Amino acid sequence: MEEVWRDTADYLRAQHPQWLRRAEQDAKYRMAMIFRWYLGMASRWAKNGEETHRGDWQIWCGPAMGAFNAWTEGSVLAEPEHRQVATVTDHLTS
């Protein structure tokens, strides 16, 4: 936790010094900044394929993913392992 806070504080010092001042005074805000650090790093770890953080990977998506999941319900595409690009393309264009 101390290492993460040091990384977070270094970033805030360079990019948002006013946020750092607040985080140093407010423990809840400091924790929010740490959560924000984790959220940003989790998507970076996924994008970079960092295996040491595989359990932390996050891939952000919006409502389109939910709509896609609803569209595939009850079809062969309902299972993620059946969602190869060519298979999804065939379903979209047929």
C-alpha atoms as a PDB file:
ATOM      1  CA  MET A   1       0.000   0.000   0.000  1.00  0.00           C
ATOM      2  CA  GLU A   2       2.854   2.375   0.810  1.00  0.00           C
ATOM      3  CA  GLU A   3       4.461   1.759  -2.580  1.00  0.00           C
ATOM      4  CA  VAL A   4       1.180   2.404  -4.379  1.00  0.00           C
ATOM      5  CA  TRP A   5       0.675   5.610  -2.415  1.00  0.00           C
ATOM      6  CA  ARG A   6       4.203   6.782  -3.325  1.00  0.00           C
ATOM      7  CA  ASP A   7       3.476   6.152  -7.030  1.00  0.00           C
ATOM      8  CA  THR A   8       0.117   7.893  -6.716  1.00  0.00           C
ATOM      9  CA  ALA A   9       1.593  10.864  -4.857  1.00  0.00           C
ATOM     10  CA  ASP A  10       4.370  11.215  -7.460  1.00  0.00           C
ATOM     11  CA  TYR A  11       1.777  11.324 -10.216  1.00  0.00           C
ATOM     12  CA  LEU A  12      -0.419  13.802  -8.345  1.00  0.00           C
ATOM     13  CA  ARG A  13       2.572  15.998  -7.525  1.00  0.00           C
ATOM     14  CA  ALA A  14       3.334  16.321 -11.241  1.00  0.00           C
ATOM     15  CA  GLN A  15      -0.195  16.446 -12.638  1.00  0.00           C
ATOM     16  CA  HIS A  16      -2.623  17.596  -9.926  1.00  0.00           C
ATOM     17  CA  PRO A  17      -0.820  19.151  -6.955  1.00  0.00           C
ATOM     18  CA  GLN A  18      -4.072  20.452  -5.486  1.00  0.00           C
ATOM     19  CA  TRP A  19      -5.415  16.873  -5.358  1.00  0.00           C
ATOM     20  CA  LEU A  20      -2.245  15.782  -3.571  1.00  0.00           C
ATOM     21  CA  ARG A  21      -2.662  18.498  -0.936  1.00  0.00           C
ATOM     22  CA  ARG A  22      -6.224  17.359  -0.318  1.00  0.00           C
ATOM     23  CA  ALA A  23      -5.206  13.672  -0.201  1.00  0.00           C
ATOM     24  CA  GLU A  24      -2.543  14.440   2.374  1.00  0.00           C
ATOM     25  CA  GLN A  25      -5.204  15.994   4.619  1.00  0.00           C
ATOM     26  CA  ASP A  26      -8.134  13.634   3.966  1.00  0.00           C
ATOM     27  CA  ALA A  27      -7.687   9.859   4.368  1.00  0.00           C
ATOM     28  CA  LYS A  28     -10.877   9.064   2.430  1.00  0.00           C
ATOM     29  CA  TYR A  29      -9.771  11.201  -0.480  1.00  0.00           C
ATOM     30  CA  ARG A  30      -6.318   9.570  -0.370  1.00  0.00           C
ATOM     31  CA  MET A  31      -7.983   6.151  -0.606  1.00  0.00           C
ATOM     32  CA  ALA A  32     -10.082   7.397  -3.528  1.00  0.00           C
ATOM     33  CA  MET A  33      -6.885   8.450  -5.301  1.00  0.00           C
ATOM     34  CA  ILE A  34      -5.408   4.985  -4.681  1.00  0.00           C
ATOM     35  CA  PHE A  35      -8.540   3.365  -6.113  1.00  0.00           C
ATOM     36  CA  ARG A  36      -8.238   5.644  -9.109  1.00  0.00           C
ATOM     37  CA  TRP A  37      -4.592   4.575  -9.527  1.00  0.00           C
ATOM     38  CA  TYR A  38      -5.660   0.920  -9.467  1.00  0.00           C
ATOM     39  CA  LEU A  39      -8.397   1.485 -12.017  1.00  0.00           C
ATOM     40  CA  GLY A  40      -5.984   3.157 -14.417  1.00  0.00           C
ATOM     41  CA  MET A  41      -3.287   0.537 -13.930  1.00  0.00           C
ATOM     42  CA  ALA A  42      -5.672  -2.410 -14.341  1.00  0.00           C
ATOM     43  CA  SER A  43      -6.595  -1.328 -17.858  1.00  0.00           C
ATOM     44  CA  ARG A  44      -2.923  -0.656 -18.669  1.00  0.00           C
ATOM     45  CA  TRP A  45      -1.917  -4.113 -17.400  1.00  0.00           C
ATOM     46  CA  ALA A  46      -4.587  -5.684 -19.620  1.00  0.00           C
ATOM     47  CA  LYS A  47      -3.586  -3.649 -22.663  1.00  0.00           C
ATOM     48  CA  ASN A  48       0.086  -4.549 -22.171  1.00  0.00           C
ATOM     49  CA  GLY A  49      -0.685  -8.206 -21.421  1.00  0.00           C
ATOM     50  CA  GLU A  50       1.183  -8.127 -18.113  1.00  0.00           C
ATOM     51  CA  GLU A  51       0.818 -11.713 -16.936  1.00  0.00           C
ATOM     52  CA  THR A  52       1.921 -10.911 -13.377  1.00  0.00           C
ATOM     53  CA  HIS A  53      -1.259  -8.829 -13.060  1.00  0.00           C
ATOM     54  CA  ARG A  54      -3.581 -11.097 -15.057  1.00  0.00           C
ATOM     55  CA  GLY A  55      -6.035 -11.333 -12.157  1.00  0.00           C
ATOM     56  CA  ASP A  56      -6.300  -7.532 -12.081  1.00  0.00           C
ATOM     57  CA  TRP A  57      -6.952  -6.943 -15.778  1.00  0.00           C
ATOM     58  CA  GLN A  58      -9.908  -4.714 -16.612  1.00  0.00           C
ATOM     59  CA  ILE A  59     -11.197  -3.996 -20.070  1.00  0.00           C
ATOM     60  CA  TRP A  60     -13.517  -1.030 -20.123  1.00  0.00           C
ATOM     61  CA  CYS A  61     -16.646  -1.203 -22.190  1.00  0.00           C
ATOM     62  CA  GLY A  62     -19.854   0.700 -22.457  1.00  0.00           C
ATOM     63  CA  PRO A  63     -23.473  -0.156 -23.154  1.00  0.00           C
ATOM     64  CA  ALA A  64     -22.534  -1.786 -26.463  1.00  0.00           C
ATOM     65  CA  MET A  65     -21.125  -4.808 -24.609  1.00  0.00           C
ATOM     66  CA  GLY A  66     -24.395  -5.262 -22.753  1.00  0.00           C
ATOM     67  CA  ALA A  67     -26.342  -4.928 -25.984  1.00  0.00           C
ATOM     68  CA  PHE A  68     -24.060  -7.478 -27.642  1.00  0.00           C
ATOM     69  CA  ASN A  69     -24.526  -9.914 -24.751  1.00  0.00           C
ATOM     70  CA  ALA A  70     -28.304  -9.501 -24.984  1.00  0.00           C
ATOM     71  CA  TRP A  71     -28.151 -10.050 -28.762  1.00  0.00           C
ATOM     72  CA  THR A  72     -26.155 -13.281 -28.357  1.00  0.00           C
ATOM     73  CA  GLU A  73     -28.362 -14.726 -25.615  1.00  0.00           C
ATOM     74  CA  GLY A  74     -29.608 -18.166 -26.608  1.00  0.00           C
ATOM     75  CA  SER A  75     -27.241 -18.418 -29.583  1.00  0.00           C
ATOM     76  CA  VAL A  76     -23.907 -20.160 -30.086  1.00  0.00           C
ATOM     77  CA  LEU A  77     -22.269 -16.781 -29.356  1.00  0.00           C
ATOM     78  CA  ALA A  78     -23.665 -16.726 -25.825  1.00  0.00           C
ATOM     79  CA  GLU A  79     -20.512 -18.500 -24.645  1.00  0.00           C
ATOM     80  CA  PRO A  80     -17.436 -16.219 -24.845  1.00  0.00           C
ATOM     81  CA  GLU A  81     -15.223 -19.045 -26.101  1.00  0.00           C
ATOM     82  CA  HIS A  82     -17.356 -19.124 -29.287  1.00  0.00           C
ATOM     83  CA  ARG A  83     -16.801 -15.433 -30.037  1.00  0.00           C
ATOM     84  CA  GLN A  84     -14.005 -15.599 -32.574  1.00  0.00           C
ATOM     85  CA  VAL A  85     -13.900 -12.612 -34.922  1.00  0.00           C
ATOM     86  CA  ALA A  86     -14.855 -14.643 -37.999  1.00  0.00           C
ATOM     87  CA  THR A  87     -17.811 -16.283 -36.221  1.00  0.00           C
ATOM     88  CA  VAL A  88     -19.155 -12.978 -34.909  1.00  0.00           C
ATOM     89  CA  THR A  89     -18.696 -11.420 -38.359  1.00  0.00           C
ATOM     90  CA  ASP A  90     -20.663 -14.243 -39.967  1.00  0.00           C
ATOM     91  CA  HIS A  91     -23.533 -13.666 -37.544  1.00  0.00           C
ATOM     92  CA  LEU A  92     -23.476  -9.902 -38.060  1.00  0.00           C
ATOM     93  CA  THR A  93     -23.514 -10.131 -41.853  1.00  0.00           C
ATOM     94  CA  SER A  94     -26.057 -12.931 -42.272  1.00  0.00           C
END
